Structures are given as C-alpha cells and as structure tokens.
Amino acid sequence: MNCKEYLDSNLNKSVAEKRLKEKVKYYLEWSNRVFIITKDKILVSELGDRNILKSYLNRDISNISYKTCANFNKCGYINIRYRFADKISIILPDDMIQNINLI
C-alpha cells in the first residue's frame, strides 16, 4: 500500500494525515521508490509522489538522502543503513514483504 492508497482508504483525510505525521520515524529513498517507516508499517511510494509526501510530512523532503542500501535477510527483516551510520531492523508481515519486493 503506498501513501496515496493509505490516505485514500480513510474517509477523514486530515485525521489520517495527522496520524501518519505522528508515526513517521524514518524516511528513505531507494531504487526510485520512497519508503516511509512508521511504528507499524512501511509505506512505499513512487518518487513522483514527492509533493504528496511533502504535505504528509509537513516539511521539505527534497534534500533528504537516506539511501545507501536496503536488504532483506532470511528472517524477513528489512535492514536499512543510511549515511548517519545508524541501522534499524524492522520485522515485516508477509504481505508487506510482497509489497516491498518491488525493489
């Protein structure tokens, strides 16, 4: 599910936008896709949705470049390393792994 689908599935978009902004923890661009990582999901969007994403995040995201690598390991984690030398590991449900497999 991408960000647009996530919001389109909510009747009250302002509430959905507020919830999304509160939950966003990491933002990643990789392989022509945007990954927005929240507490409970990873949203995937095409880079063409940058203006939509900017309004969701309420900040300019044009200069953010958390893109170094994103790899799946055998345990169903996605490991994302970015330029600040931090590392996060997130367990993804099976349906999300199928979504993310676009990369």
Protein backbone atom coordinates (compact mmCIF):
# COMPACT_ATOMS: atom_id res chain seq x y z
CA MET A 1 0.00 0.00 0.00
CA ASN A 2 1.50 3.34 -0.94
CA CYS A 3 0.91 6.63 0.83
CA LYS A 4 -1.84 7.74 -1.54
CA GLU A 5 -3.70 4.44 -1.13
CA TYR A 6 -3.26 4.67 2.63
CA LEU A 7 -4.89 8.09 2.75
CA ASP A 8 -7.49 7.31 0.10
CA SER A 9 -8.66 4.41 2.26
CA ASN A 10 -9.55 6.86 5.04
CA LEU A 11 -12.69 8.96 4.83
CA ASN A 12 -11.28 11.65 7.11
CA LYS A 13 -8.02 12.50 5.39
CA SER A 14 -6.98 15.20 7.84
CA VAL A 15 -7.08 12.66 10.67
CA ALA A 16 -5.16 10.17 8.53
CA GLU A 17 -2.50 12.77 7.69
CA LYS A 18 -2.12 13.71 11.35
CA ARG A 19 -1.73 10.08 12.37
CA LEU A 20 0.84 9.48 9.64
CA LYS A 21 2.89 12.52 10.67
CA GLU A 22 2.86 11.39 14.30
CA LYS A 23 4.09 7.91 13.40
CA VAL A 24 6.81 8.67 10.88
CA LYS A 25 10.19 7.55 12.20
CA TYR A 26 12.42 7.27 9.15
CA TYR A 27 12.31 8.37 5.56
CA LEU A 28 14.26 6.57 2.84
CA GLU A 29 14.64 6.97 -0.90
CA TRP A 30 15.98 3.92 -2.66
CA SER A 31 15.74 2.47 -6.15
CA ASN A 32 13.26 5.11 -7.38
CA ARG A 33 10.91 4.49 -4.50
CA VAL A 34 10.18 6.24 -1.25
CA PHE A 35 9.92 4.24 1.95
CA ILE A 36 8.28 5.91 4.91
CA ILE A 37 8.82 3.84 8.00
CA THR A 38 6.33 4.22 10.83
CA LYS A 39 5.83 2.36 14.07
CA ASP A 40 3.65 -0.30 12.49
CA LYS A 41 4.18 -0.27 8.74
CA ILE A 42 6.38 0.68 5.85
CA LEU A 43 4.66 2.80 3.23
CA VAL A 44 6.03 2.62 -0.30
CA SER A 45 5.52 5.32 -2.89
CA GLU A 46 6.96 6.26 -6.25
CA LEU A 47 9.32 9.23 -6.19
CA GLY A 48 6.81 11.08 -8.36
CA ASP A 49 4.61 11.41 -5.28
CA ARG A 50 7.17 13.71 -3.63
CA ASN A 51 4.75 16.67 -3.35
CA ILE A 52 2.10 14.47 -1.77
CA LEU A 53 4.67 13.10 0.66
CA LYS A 54 5.89 16.61 1.47
CA SER A 55 2.40 17.63 2.53
CA TYR A 56 2.06 14.48 4.64
CA LEU A 57 5.33 15.06 6.44
CA ASN A 58 4.83 18.82 6.70
CA ARG A 59 8.44 19.52 5.80
CA ASP A 60 10.63 19.80 2.75
CA ILE A 61 12.00 16.36 1.93
CA SER A 62 13.86 17.27 -1.24
CA ASN A 63 17.31 17.23 0.33
CA ILE A 64 16.97 14.10 2.44
CA SER A 65 19.12 11.27 1.16
CA TYR A 66 18.96 8.28 3.46
CA LYS A 67 19.89 5.98 0.62
CA THR A 68 22.73 3.57 0.88
CA CYS A 69 21.32 0.09 0.94
CA ALA A 70 18.18 -1.83 1.79
CA ASN A 71 18.49 -5.57 2.02
CA PHE A 72 16.26 -8.39 3.09
CA ASN A 73 17.64 -11.15 5.25
CA LYS A 74 16.30 -14.67 5.51
CA CYS A 75 14.34 -13.90 8.67
CA GLY A 76 12.01 -11.45 6.95
CA TYR A 77 13.63 -8.29 8.23
CA ILE A 78 14.44 -5.27 6.16
CA ASN A 79 17.77 -3.79 7.22
CA ILE A 80 18.22 -0.18 6.26
CA ARG A 81 21.59 1.51 6.67
CA TYR A 82 21.91 5.18 5.89
CA ARG A 83 24.55 7.85 5.92
CA PHE A 84 24.43 8.58 9.64
CA ALA A 85 25.79 5.11 10.31
CA ASP A 86 22.66 4.06 12.17
CA LYS A 87 20.92 0.81 11.50
CA ILE A 88 17.33 -0.18 12.01
CA SER A 89 15.75 -3.59 11.63
CA ILE A 90 12.02 -3.92 11.20
CA ILE A 91 10.05 -7.16 11.10
CA LEU A 92 7.65 -7.06 8.18
CA PRO A 93 4.46 -9.08 7.85
CA ASP A 94 4.35 -11.37 4.82
CA ASP A 95 2.06 -9.08 2.85
CA MET A 96 4.45 -6.16 3.31
CA ILE A 97 7.39 -8.24 2.15
CA GLN A 98 5.45 -8.91 -1.06
CA ASN A 99 4.86 -5.17 -1.47
CA ILE A 100 8.46 -4.21 -0.82
CA ASN A 101 9.74 -6.88 -3.20
CA LEU A 102 9.35 -4.29 -5.96
CA ILE A 103 12.96 -3.35 -5.26
